[in-house]
Amino acid sequence: LAAWYPIKFFNSNSRNMVTLLANLLATAVIMTGLWLLITRAIMSALFQNGSGYNVFWNATLSYRLGSGILICILVILTYYLIISYKTISDKKLDESRLENMLRETELRMLRSQINPHFLFNSLNSVSALTISNPEKAREMVIRLSDFMRYALSRKDEQLVPLRSELENLRLYLEIEKTRFGERLQTEEELPDGCLDIRIPNMLLQPLYENAVKFGLHESMGTVVISTMVECDETTAAISISNNFDTDAHLPSGTGTGLTNVKRRLELIYGREATLNTRKEQGLFTVELKIPVNHNQTNG
């Protein structure tokens, strides 16, 4: 075991392979020699008058030398096995930390991608209302301020209660109602037992934004955005649907909103969460299923 420390010292200070091997060989020779000398001295003291032991010693010297070399080789191999395991463990740990950093960075980036058109349209509406209806403009500014305050205050939280998320989304829809008036209606079916489940922060906002964009664009009729939530002990299902005019020319979109939502679900839940869309008989529906008891650190 005494060979462990010099071997570790040489390995940490020598980067040249030839020098390293020479140092290890010299260490093995010195340690084996010391082992033999110390053993010989101890046994000679125990068998001071034992000439028979001297014969035995001389006869077994080659075996002792081979045993010493074997022990040194085993110590060296054990050391490199441990150092290799530690190196691999450290590398995996570093990779895991880097992956978590990249994952968290991507999640923050996706959360920050609130469509700027919503802000521009809201500010334009406020500008128009300041002349025609100052009181309504004031209400819209307050709602917009509350909506943005929520988005900024929760930006460092990964998961938030569904109750809080829906309260903020109602602010968003109220802002849009100021623009579209009675043409925008909402319906909700929210069991009380499902409101305390935790979902990713600002996950649903792009879905409501899509519903407003594709439901009200080039349509003079009323659009109803319906929200339904179902949950059990393991899974929560969230459904957001809106009617649309099948004869209207729908705006072309890049699908960034849905893509971001899918990517966030993948990063947070892996394959445990799903997002599906369907379009049938003038009704567009987005369905999300997420695990309820997910071990995701908040923040």
C-alpha atoms as a PDB file:
ATOM      1  CA  LEU A   1       0.000   0.000   0.000  1.00  0.00           C
ATOM      2  CA  ALA A   2       2.947   2.346   0.518  1.00  0.00           C
ATOM      3  CA  ALA A   3       3.481   2.271  -3.255  1.00  0.00           C
ATOM      4  CA  TRP A   4       0.134   3.973  -3.767  1.00  0.00           C
ATOM      5  CA  TYR A   5       1.367   7.457  -2.887  1.00  0.00           C
ATOM      6  CA  PRO A   6       4.509   7.634  -5.047  1.00  0.00           C
ATOM      7  CA  ILE A   7       2.557   6.140  -7.974  1.00  0.00           C
ATOM      8  CA  LYS A   8      -0.142   8.784  -7.522  1.00  0.00           C
ATOM      9  CA  PHE A   9       2.497  11.521  -7.253  1.00  0.00           C
ATOM     10  CA  PHE A  10       4.320  10.487 -10.433  1.00  0.00           C
ATOM     11  CA  ASN A  11       1.083  10.140 -12.387  1.00  0.00           C
ATOM     12  CA  SER A  12      -0.132  13.599 -11.418  1.00  0.00           C
ATOM     13  CA  ASN A  13       3.133  15.358 -12.246  1.00  0.00           C
ATOM     14  CA  SER A  14       4.437  13.540 -15.304  1.00  0.00           C
ATOM     15  CA  ARG A  15       2.772  14.051 -18.661  1.00  0.00           C
ATOM     16  CA  ASN A  16       5.426  12.258 -20.718  1.00  0.00           C
ATOM     17  CA  MET A  17       4.622   8.562 -21.102  1.00  0.00           C
ATOM     18  CA  VAL A  18       8.279   7.445 -21.165  1.00  0.00           C
ATOM     19  CA  THR A  19       9.088   9.419 -18.028  1.00  0.00           C
ATOM     20  CA  LEU A  20       5.946   8.103 -16.348  1.00  0.00           C
ATOM     21  CA  LEU A  21       6.840   4.478 -17.117  1.00  0.00           C
ATOM     22  CA  ALA A  22      10.418   5.004 -15.945  1.00  0.00           C
ATOM     23  CA  ASN A  23       9.190   6.518 -12.690  1.00  0.00           C
ATOM     24  CA  LEU A  24       6.732   3.678 -12.138  1.00  0.00           C
ATOM     25  CA  LEU A  25       9.428   1.081 -12.866  1.00  0.00           C
ATOM     26  CA  ALA A  26      11.878   2.765 -10.491  1.00  0.00           C
ATOM     27  CA  THR A  27       9.170   2.920  -7.835  1.00  0.00           C
ATOM     28  CA  ALA A  28       8.397  -0.776  -8.279  1.00  0.00           C
ATOM     29  CA  VAL A  29      12.071  -1.709  -7.990  1.00  0.00           C
ATOM     30  CA  ILE A  30      12.678   0.486  -4.935  1.00  0.00           C
ATOM     31  CA  MET A  31       9.506  -0.632  -3.156  1.00  0.00           C
ATOM     32  CA  THR A  32      10.219  -4.309  -3.865  1.00  0.00           C
ATOM     33  CA  GLY A  33      13.808  -3.910  -2.655  1.00  0.00           C
ATOM     34  CA  LEU A  34      12.689  -2.169   0.537  1.00  0.00           C
ATOM     35  CA  TRP A  35      10.061  -4.830   1.082  1.00  0.00           C
ATOM     36  CA  LEU A  36      12.654  -7.570   0.800  1.00  0.00           C
ATOM     37  CA  LEU A  37      15.169  -5.800   3.076  1.00  0.00           C
ATOM     38  CA  ILE A  38      12.597  -5.038   5.758  1.00  0.00           C
ATOM     39  CA  THR A  39      11.217  -8.571   5.620  1.00  0.00           C
ATOM     40  CA  ARG A  40      14.737 -10.038   5.824  1.00  0.00           C
ATOM     41  CA  ALA A  41      15.614  -7.856   8.808  1.00  0.00           C
ATOM     42  CA  ILE A  42      12.431  -8.762  10.695  1.00  0.00           C
ATOM     43  CA  MET A  43      12.740 -12.477  10.045  1.00  0.00           C
ATOM     44  CA  SER A  44      16.453 -12.488  10.917  1.00  0.00           C
ATOM     45  CA  ALA A  45      15.632 -10.909  14.265  1.00  0.00           C
ATOM     46  CA  LEU A  46      13.006 -13.556  14.918  1.00  0.00           C
ATOM     47  CA  PHE A  47      15.271 -16.434  13.848  1.00  0.00           C
ATOM     48  CA  GLN A  48      18.634 -15.240  15.087  1.00  0.00           C
ATOM     49  CA  ASN A  49      20.083 -18.716  15.389  1.00  0.00           C
ATOM     50  CA  GLY A  50      18.072 -20.297  12.637  1.00  0.00           C
ATOM     51  CA  SER A  51      20.480 -21.174   9.860  1.00  0.00           C
ATOM     52  CA  GLY A  52      17.694 -23.222   8.367  1.00  0.00           C
ATOM     53  CA  TYR A  53      15.717 -20.066   7.764  1.00  0.00           C
ATOM     54  CA  ASN A  54      18.657 -18.545   5.857  1.00  0.00           C
ATOM     55  CA  VAL A  55      18.566 -21.512   3.512  1.00  0.00           C
ATOM     56  CA  PHE A  56      14.814 -21.145   3.171  1.00  0.00           C
ATOM     57  CA  TRP A  57      15.182 -17.423   2.472  1.00  0.00           C
ATOM     58  CA  ASN A  58      17.778 -17.930  -0.224  1.00  0.00           C
ATOM     59  CA  ALA A  59      15.716 -20.674  -1.803  1.00  0.00           C
ATOM     60  CA  THR A  60      12.561 -18.529  -1.936  1.00  0.00           C
ATOM     61  CA  LEU A  61      14.180 -15.225  -2.849  1.00  0.00           C
ATOM     62  CA  SER A  62      13.106 -15.421  -6.490  1.00  0.00           C
ATOM     63  CA  TYR A  63       9.528 -16.141  -5.443  1.00  0.00           C
ATOM     64  CA  ARG A  64       9.576 -13.230  -3.028  1.00  0.00           C
ATOM     65  CA  LEU A  65      10.938 -10.962  -5.750  1.00  0.00           C
ATOM     66  CA  GLY A  66       8.209 -12.099  -8.148  1.00  0.00           C
ATOM     67  CA  SER A  67       5.555 -11.620  -5.464  1.00  0.00           C
ATOM     68  CA  GLY A  68       6.789  -8.093  -4.797  1.00  0.00           C
ATOM     69  CA  ILE A  69       6.680  -7.217  -8.479  1.00  0.00           C
ATOM     70  CA  LEU A  70       3.187  -8.737  -8.775  1.00  0.00           C
ATOM     71  CA  ILE A  71       1.959  -6.722  -5.814  1.00  0.00           C
ATOM     72  CA  CYS A  72       3.364  -3.525  -7.354  1.00  0.00           C
ATOM     73  CA  ILE A  73       1.664  -4.322 -10.651  1.00  0.00           C
ATOM     74  CA  LEU A  74      -1.625  -4.938  -8.834  1.00  0.00           C
ATOM     75  CA  VAL A  75      -1.298  -1.644  -6.959  1.00  0.00           C
ATOM     76  CA  ILE A  76      -0.585   0.191 -10.215  1.00  0.00           C
ATOM     77  CA  LEU A  77      -3.543  -1.455 -11.977  1.00  0.00           C
ATOM     78  CA  THR A  78      -5.806  -0.746  -9.001  1.00  0.00           C
ATOM     79  CA  TYR A  79      -4.755   2.862  -8.996  1.00  0.00           C
ATOM     80  CA  TYR A  80      -5.425   3.315 -12.705  1.00  0.00           C
ATOM     81  CA  LEU A  81      -8.745   1.515 -12.378  1.00  0.00           C
ATOM     82  CA  ILE A  82      -9.798   3.923  -9.625  1.00  0.00           C
ATOM     83  CA  ILE A  83      -8.487   7.004 -11.442  1.00  0.00           C
ATOM     84  CA  SER A  84     -10.261   5.912 -14.632  1.00  0.00           C
ATOM     85  CA  TYR A  85     -13.529   5.386 -12.774  1.00  0.00           C
ATOM     86  CA  LYS A  86     -13.181   8.777 -11.105  1.00  0.00           C
ATOM     87  CA  THR A  87     -12.377  10.440 -14.433  1.00  0.00           C
ATOM     88  CA  ILE A  88     -15.415   8.860 -16.092  1.00  0.00           C
ATOM     89  CA  SER A  89     -17.636   9.830 -13.142  1.00  0.00           C
ATOM     90  CA  ASP A  90     -16.371  13.419 -13.208  1.00  0.00           C
ATOM     91  CA  LYS A  91     -16.892  13.561 -16.973  1.00  0.00           C
ATOM     92  CA  LYS A  92     -20.463  12.283 -16.657  1.00  0.00           C
ATOM     93  CA  LEU A  93     -21.126  14.767 -13.876  1.00  0.00           C
ATOM     94  CA  ASP A  94     -19.754  17.637 -15.967  1.00  0.00           C
ATOM     95  CA  GLU A  95     -21.816  16.501 -18.959  1.00  0.00           C
ATOM     96  CA  SER A  96     -24.909  16.291 -16.770  1.00  0.00           C
ATOM     97  CA  ARG A  97     -24.316  19.794 -15.405  1.00  0.00           C
ATOM     98  CA  LEU A  98     -23.736  21.138 -18.909  1.00  0.00           C
ATOM     99  CA  GLU A  99     -26.870  19.412 -20.184  1.00  0.00           C
ATOM    100  CA  ASN A 100     -28.895  20.874 -17.316  1.00  0.00           C
ATOM    101  CA  MET A 101     -27.475  24.339 -18.016  1.00  0.00           C
ATOM    102  CA  LEU A 102     -28.317  24.067 -21.718  1.00  0.00           C
ATOM    103  CA  ARG A 103     -31.732  22.673 -20.898  1.00  0.00           C
ATOM    104  CA  GLU A 104     -32.483  25.474 -18.443  1.00  0.00           C
ATOM    105  CA  THR A 105     -31.181  28.073 -20.914  1.00  0.00           C
ATOM    106  CA  GLU A 106     -33.434  26.715 -23.656  1.00  0.00           C
ATOM    107  CA  LEU A 107     -36.414  26.653 -21.301  1.00  0.00           C
ATOM    108  CA  ARG A 108     -35.820  30.267 -20.325  1.00  0.00           C
ATOM    109  CA  MET A 109     -35.515  31.218 -23.992  1.00  0.00           C
ATOM    110  CA  LEU A 110     -38.764  29.448 -24.871  1.00  0.00           C
ATOM    111  CA  ARG A 111     -40.589  31.053 -21.949  1.00  0.00           C
ATOM    112  CA  SER A 112     -39.397  34.484 -23.025  1.00  0.00           C
ATOM    113  CA  GLN A 113     -40.803  34.179 -26.539  1.00  0.00           C
ATOM    114  CA  ILE A 114     -44.107  35.933 -25.890  1.00  0.00           C
ATOM    115  CA  ASN A 115     -45.330  37.109 -29.259  1.00  0.00           C
ATOM    116  CA  PRO A 116     -44.434  40.815 -29.530  1.00  0.00           C
ATOM    117  CA  HIS A 117     -47.417  41.306 -31.851  1.00  0.00           C
ATOM    118  CA  PHE A 118     -49.675  40.869 -28.834  1.00  0.00           C
ATOM    119  CA  LEU A 119     -47.955  43.761 -27.067  1.00  0.00           C
ATOM    120  CA  PHE A 120     -47.943  45.937 -30.194  1.00  0.00           C
ATOM    121  CA  ASN A 121     -51.632  45.285 -30.889  1.00  0.00           C
ATOM    122  CA  SER A 122     -52.525  45.933 -27.252  1.00  0.00           C
ATOM    123  CA  LEU A 123     -50.628  49.235 -27.204  1.00  0.00           C
ATOM    124  CA  ASN A 124     -52.245  50.280 -30.491  1.00  0.00           C
ATOM    125  CA  SER A 125     -55.651  49.492 -29.022  1.00  0.00           C
ATOM    126  CA  VAL A 126     -54.820  51.538 -25.928  1.00  0.00           C
ATOM    127  CA  SER A 127     -53.737  54.412 -28.150  1.00  0.00           C
ATOM    128  CA  ALA A 128     -57.036  54.321 -30.046  1.00  0.00           C
ATOM    129  CA  LEU A 129     -59.113  54.000 -26.877  1.00  0.00           C
ATOM    130  CA  THR A 130     -57.490  57.000 -25.213  1.00  0.00           C
ATOM    131  CA  ILE A 131     -59.504  59.171 -27.601  1.00  0.00           C
ATOM    132  CA  SER A 132     -62.737  57.211 -28.006  1.00  0.00           C
ATOM    133  CA  ASN A 133     -63.033  55.642 -24.560  1.00  0.00           C
ATOM    134  CA  PRO A 134     -60.421  56.800 -22.014  1.00  0.00           C
ATOM    135  CA  GLU A 135     -61.926  54.748 -19.184  1.00  0.00           C
ATOM    136  CA  LYS A 136     -61.681  51.550 -21.212  1.00  0.00           C
ATOM    137  CA  ALA A 137     -58.122  52.458 -22.188  1.00  0.00           C
ATOM    138  CA  ARG A 138     -57.270  52.810 -18.517  1.00  0.00           C
ATOM    139  CA  GLU A 139     -58.734  49.367 -17.746  1.00  0.00           C
ATOM    140  CA  MET A 140     -56.788  47.822 -20.595  1.00  0.00           C
ATOM    141  CA  VAL A 141     -53.508  49.365 -19.388  1.00  0.00           C
ATOM    142  CA  ILE A 142     -54.130  47.983 -15.882  1.00  0.00           C
ATOM    143  CA  ARG A 143     -54.861  44.503 -17.236  1.00  0.00           C
ATOM    144  CA  LEU A 144     -51.849  44.605 -19.514  1.00  0.00           C
ATOM    145  CA  SER A 145     -49.700  45.713 -16.588  1.00  0.00           C
ATOM    146  CA  ASP A 146     -51.004  42.876 -14.394  1.00  0.00           C
ATOM    147  CA  PHE A 147     -50.437  40.360 -17.172  1.00  0.00           C
ATOM    148  CA  MET A 148     -46.840  41.429 -17.735  1.00  0.00           C
ATOM    149  CA  ARG A 149     -46.195  41.637 -13.993  1.00  0.00           C
ATOM    150  CA  TYR A 150     -47.232  38.005 -13.639  1.00  0.00           C
ATOM    151  CA  ALA A 151     -45.077  36.948 -16.599  1.00  0.00           C
ATOM    152  CA  LEU A 152     -42.014  38.720 -15.187  1.00  0.00           C
ATOM    153  CA  SER A 153     -42.535  37.745 -11.541  1.00  0.00           C
ATOM    154  CA  ARG A 154     -42.860  34.051 -12.430  1.00  0.00           C
ATOM    155  CA  LYS A 155     -40.065  33.974 -14.999  1.00  0.00           C
ATOM    156  CA  ASP A 156     -37.725  32.044 -12.664  1.00  0.00           C
ATOM    157  CA  GLU A 157     -40.344  29.465 -11.681  1.00  0.00           C
ATOM    158  CA  GLN A 158     -40.511  26.257 -13.660  1.00  0.00           C
ATOM    159  CA  LEU A 159     -43.879  24.980 -12.452  1.00  0.00           C
ATOM    160  CA  VAL A 160     -46.796  27.049 -11.184  1.00  0.00           C
ATOM    161  CA  PRO A 161     -50.315  26.143  -9.981  1.00  0.00           C
ATOM    162  CA  LEU A 162     -52.874  25.808 -12.769  1.00  0.00           C
ATOM    163  CA  ARG A 163     -55.106  28.174 -10.795  1.00  0.00           C
ATOM    164  CA  SER A 164     -52.551  31.010 -11.061  1.00  0.00           C
ATOM    165  CA  GLU A 165     -51.894  30.318 -14.730  1.00  0.00           C
ATOM    166  CA  LEU A 166     -55.598  30.451 -15.607  1.00  0.00           C
ATOM    167  CA  GLU A 167     -56.104  33.662 -13.634  1.00  0.00           C
ATOM    168  CA  ASN A 168     -53.381  35.303 -15.688  1.00  0.00           C
ATOM    169  CA  LEU A 169     -54.788  33.915 -18.930  1.00  0.00           C
ATOM    170  CA  ARG A 170     -58.139  35.485 -18.077  1.00  0.00           C
ATOM    171  CA  LEU A 171     -56.314  38.818 -17.985  1.00  0.00           C
ATOM    172  CA  TYR A 172     -54.944  38.060 -21.432  1.00  0.00           C
ATOM    173  CA  LEU A 173     -58.396  37.236 -22.777  1.00  0.00           C
ATOM    174  CA  GLU A 174     -59.889  40.348 -21.184  1.00  0.00           C
ATOM    175  CA  ILE A 175     -57.275  42.400 -23.005  1.00  0.00           C
ATOM    176  CA  GLU A 176     -58.216  40.706 -26.272  1.00  0.00           C
ATOM    177  CA  LYS A 177     -61.908  41.275 -25.511  1.00  0.00           C
ATOM    178  CA  THR A 178     -61.169  44.984 -25.334  1.00  0.00           C
ATOM    179  CA  ARG A 179     -59.974  44.749 -28.932  1.00  0.00           C
ATOM    180  CA  PHE A 180     -62.623  42.392 -30.297  1.00  0.00           C
ATOM    181  CA  GLY A 181     -65.585  43.179 -28.057  1.00  0.00           C
ATOM    182  CA  GLU A 182     -68.463  40.724 -27.869  1.00  0.00           C
ATOM    183  CA  ARG A 183     -67.056  38.708 -30.742  1.00  0.00           C
ATOM    184  CA  LEU A 184     -64.746  36.943 -28.288  1.00  0.00           C
ATOM    185  CA  GLN A 185     -66.434  34.694 -25.732  1.00  0.00           C
ATOM    186  CA  THR A 186     -64.977  32.204 -23.269  1.00  0.00           C
ATOM    187  CA  GLU A 187     -66.164  29.039 -21.591  1.00  0.00           C
ATOM    188  CA  GLU A 188     -64.531  27.081 -18.782  1.00  0.00           C
ATOM    189  CA  GLU A 189     -65.006  23.661 -17.232  1.00  0.00           C
ATOM    190  CA  LEU A 190     -62.575  23.519 -14.360  1.00  0.00           C
ATOM    191  CA  PRO A 191     -63.014  20.996 -11.534  1.00  0.00           C
ATOM    192  CA  ASP A 192     -61.767  22.415  -8.226  1.00  0.00           C
ATOM    193  CA  GLY A 193     -59.676  19.320  -7.599  1.00  0.00           C
ATOM    194  CA  CYS A 194     -57.559  20.032 -10.688  1.00  0.00           C
ATOM    195  CA  LEU A 195     -56.717  23.681 -10.035  1.00  0.00           C
ATOM    196  CA  ASP A 196     -53.816  22.963  -7.689  1.00  0.00           C
ATOM    197  CA  ILE A 197     -51.841  20.796 -10.112  1.00  0.00           C
ATOM    198  CA  ARG A 198     -48.614  22.400 -11.279  1.00  0.00           C
ATOM    199  CA  ILE A 199     -47.883  23.102 -14.930  1.00  0.00           C
ATOM    200  CA  PRO A 200     -45.004  24.887 -16.717  1.00  0.00           C
ATOM    201  CA  ASN A 201     -45.141  28.652 -16.396  1.00  0.00           C
ATOM    202  CA  MET A 202     -46.713  30.505 -19.377  1.00  0.00           C
ATOM    203  CA  LEU A 203     -47.215  27.191 -21.182  1.00  0.00           C
ATOM    204  CA  LEU A 204     -50.823  27.815 -22.221  1.00  0.00           C
ATOM    205  CA  GLN A 205     -50.551  31.457 -23.344  1.00  0.00           C
ATOM    206  CA  PRO A 206     -49.354  30.649 -26.904  1.00  0.00           C
ATOM    207  CA  LEU A 207     -52.297  28.271 -27.306  1.00  0.00           C
ATOM    208  CA  TYR A 208     -54.801  30.974 -26.401  1.00  0.00           C
ATOM    209  CA  GLU A 209     -52.962  33.404 -28.648  1.00  0.00           C
ATOM    210  CA  ASN A 210     -53.322  30.953 -31.536  1.00  0.00           C
ATOM    211  CA  ALA A 211     -57.023  30.538 -30.759  1.00  0.00           C
ATOM    212  CA  VAL A 212     -57.543  34.302 -30.949  1.00  0.00           C
ATOM    213  CA  LYS A 213     -55.422  34.694 -34.064  1.00  0.00           C
ATOM    214  CA  PHE A 214     -56.909  31.875 -36.116  1.00  0.00           C
ATOM    215  CA  GLY A 215     -60.421  32.110 -34.731  1.00  0.00           C
ATOM    216  CA  LEU A 216     -61.085  35.829 -35.156  1.00  0.00           C
ATOM    217  CA  HIS A 217     -58.983  36.587 -38.227  1.00  0.00           C
ATOM    218  CA  GLU A 218     -61.134  37.578 -41.198  1.00  0.00           C
ATOM    219  CA  SER A 219     -64.252  36.420 -39.375  1.00  0.00           C
ATOM    220  CA  MET A 220     -67.052  38.710 -38.268  1.00  0.00           C
ATOM    221  CA  GLY A 221     -68.829  36.067 -36.205  1.00  0.00           C
ATOM    222  CA  THR A 222     -68.501  35.176 -32.552  1.00  0.00           C
ATOM    223  CA  VAL A 223     -65.605  32.954 -31.516  1.00  0.00           C
ATOM    224  CA  VAL A 224     -65.866  30.908 -28.340  1.00  0.00           C
ATOM    225  CA  ILE A 225     -62.655  29.724 -26.672  1.00  0.00           C
ATOM    226  CA  SER A 226     -63.385  26.773 -24.421  1.00  0.00           C
ATOM    227  CA  THR A 227     -61.118  25.448 -21.704  1.00  0.00           C
ATOM    228  CA  MET A 228     -61.682  22.007 -20.192  1.00  0.00           C
ATOM    229  CA  VAL A 229     -59.570  20.320 -17.557  1.00  0.00           C
ATOM    230  CA  GLU A 230     -59.722  16.744 -16.333  1.00  0.00           C
ATOM    231  CA  CYS A 231     -57.352  15.059 -13.917  1.00  0.00           C
ATOM    232  CA  ASP A 232     -56.783  11.966 -11.855  1.00  0.00           C
ATOM    233  CA  GLU A 233     -54.009  10.833  -9.548  1.00  0.00           C
ATOM    234  CA  THR A 234     -51.439  10.520 -12.338  1.00  0.00           C
ATOM    235  CA  THR A 235     -52.438  12.659 -15.332  1.00  0.00           C
ATOM    236  CA  ALA A 236     -53.980  16.026 -16.100  1.00  0.00           C
ATOM    237  CA  ALA A 237     -55.679  16.644 -19.450  1.00  0.00           C
ATOM    238  CA  ILE A 238     -56.116  20.238 -20.638  1.00  0.00           C
ATOM    239  CA  SER A 239     -58.209  20.930 -23.733  1.00  0.00           C
ATOM    240  CA  ILE A 240     -58.389  24.347 -25.448  1.00  0.00           C
ATOM    241  CA  SER A 241     -60.723  24.687 -28.415  1.00  0.00           C
ATOM    242  CA  ASN A 242     -62.089  27.474 -30.596  1.00  0.00           C
ATOM    243  CA  ASN A 243     -64.500  27.619 -33.490  1.00  0.00           C
ATOM    244  CA  PHE A 244     -63.449  29.215 -36.781  1.00  0.00           C
ATOM    245  CA  ASP A 245     -64.993  30.173 -40.071  1.00  0.00           C
ATOM    246  CA  THR A 246     -64.255  27.344 -42.487  1.00  0.00           C
ATOM    247  CA  ASP A 247     -64.805  29.682 -45.468  1.00  0.00           C
ATOM    248  CA  ALA A 248     -62.466  32.386 -44.207  1.00  0.00           C
ATOM    249  CA  HIS A 249     -58.898  32.700 -45.442  1.00  0.00           C
ATOM    250  CA  LEU A 250     -56.857  31.828 -42.383  1.00  0.00           C
ATOM    251  CA  PRO A 251     -53.563  33.634 -41.849  1.00  0.00           C
ATOM    252  CA  SER A 252     -50.420  31.690 -42.581  1.00  0.00           C
ATOM    253  CA  GLY A 253     -48.366  30.989 -39.507  1.00  0.00           C
ATOM    254  CA  THR A 254     -44.961  29.551 -38.717  1.00  0.00           C
ATOM    255  CA  GLY A 255     -46.292  27.288 -35.979  1.00  0.00           C
ATOM    256  CA  THR A 256     -43.807  28.751 -33.514  1.00  0.00           C
ATOM    257  CA  GLY A 257     -46.313  28.758 -30.652  1.00  0.00           C
ATOM    258  CA  LEU A 258     -47.174  25.070 -30.879  1.00  0.00           C
ATOM    259  CA  THR A 259     -43.541  24.159 -31.552  1.00  0.00           C
ATOM    260  CA  ASN A 260     -42.393  26.006 -28.426  1.00  0.00           C
ATOM    261  CA  VAL A 261     -45.061  24.351 -26.293  1.00  0.00           C
ATOM    262  CA  LYS A 262     -44.096  20.896 -27.582  1.00  0.00           C
ATOM    263  CA  ARG A 263     -40.400  21.571 -26.986  1.00  0.00           C
ATOM    264  CA  ARG A 264     -40.995  22.789 -23.427  1.00  0.00           C
ATOM    265  CA  LEU A 265     -43.075  19.712 -22.651  1.00  0.00           C
ATOM    266  CA  GLU A 266     -40.302  17.508 -24.026  1.00  0.00           C
ATOM    267  CA  LEU A 267     -37.594  19.250 -22.007  1.00  0.00           C
ATOM    268  CA  ILE A 268     -39.539  19.130 -18.746  1.00  0.00           C
ATOM    269  CA  TYR A 269     -41.448  15.852 -18.960  1.00  0.00           C
ATOM    270  CA  GLY A 270     -39.698  13.858 -21.679  1.00  0.00           C
ATOM    271  CA  ARG A 271     -42.114  11.332 -23.142  1.00  0.00           C
ATOM    272  CA  GLU A 272     -44.479  11.543 -20.185  1.00  0.00           C
ATOM    273  CA  ALA A 273     -46.374  14.485 -21.723  1.00  0.00           C
ATOM    274  CA  THR A 274     -48.192  14.742 -25.057  1.00  0.00           C
ATOM    275  CA  LEU A 275     -49.687  17.488 -27.201  1.00  0.00           C
ATOM    276  CA  ASN A 276     -52.194  16.705 -29.937  1.00  0.00           C
ATOM    277  CA  THR A 277     -54.241  18.922 -32.242  1.00  0.00           C
ATOM    278  CA  ARG A 278     -57.291  18.214 -34.329  1.00  0.00           C
ATOM    279  CA  LYS A 279     -59.393  20.268 -36.705  1.00  0.00           C
ATOM    280  CA  GLU A 280     -62.901  19.084 -37.529  1.00  0.00           C
ATOM    281  CA  GLN A 281     -66.231  20.672 -38.432  1.00  0.00           C
ATOM    282  CA  GLY A 282     -65.096  24.215 -37.812  1.00  0.00           C
ATOM    283  CA  LEU A 283     -63.567  23.455 -34.417  1.00  0.00           C
ATOM    284  CA  PHE A 284     -59.842  23.511 -33.667  1.00  0.00           C
ATOM    285  CA  THR A 285     -58.745  21.734 -30.479  1.00  0.00           C
ATOM    286  CA  VAL A 286     -55.423  21.414 -28.687  1.00  0.00           C
ATOM    287  CA  GLU A 287     -55.137  18.678 -26.073  1.00  0.00           C
ATOM    288  CA  LEU A 288     -52.324  18.432 -23.547  1.00  0.00           C
ATOM    289  CA  LYS A 289     -51.674  15.563 -21.183  1.00  0.00           C
ATOM    290  CA  ILE A 290     -49.077  16.011 -18.465  1.00  0.00           C
ATOM    291  CA  PRO A 291     -48.118  13.921 -15.421  1.00  0.00           C
ATOM    292  CA  VAL A 292     -49.439  15.277 -12.151  1.00  0.00           C
ATOM    293  CA  ASN A 293     -46.785  14.009  -9.765  1.00  0.00           C
ATOM    294  CA  HIS A 294     -43.719  14.997 -11.750  1.00  0.00           C
ATOM    295  CA  ASN A 295     -40.424  15.357  -9.862  1.00  0.00           C
ATOM    296  CA  GLN A 296     -39.369  18.631 -11.411  1.00  0.00           C
ATOM    297  CA  THR A 297     -37.521  21.148  -9.282  1.00  0.00           C
ATOM    298  CA  ASN A 298     -39.298  24.455  -9.161  1.00  0.00           C
ATOM    299  CA  GLY A 299     -37.185  27.398 -10.312  1.00  0.00           C
END
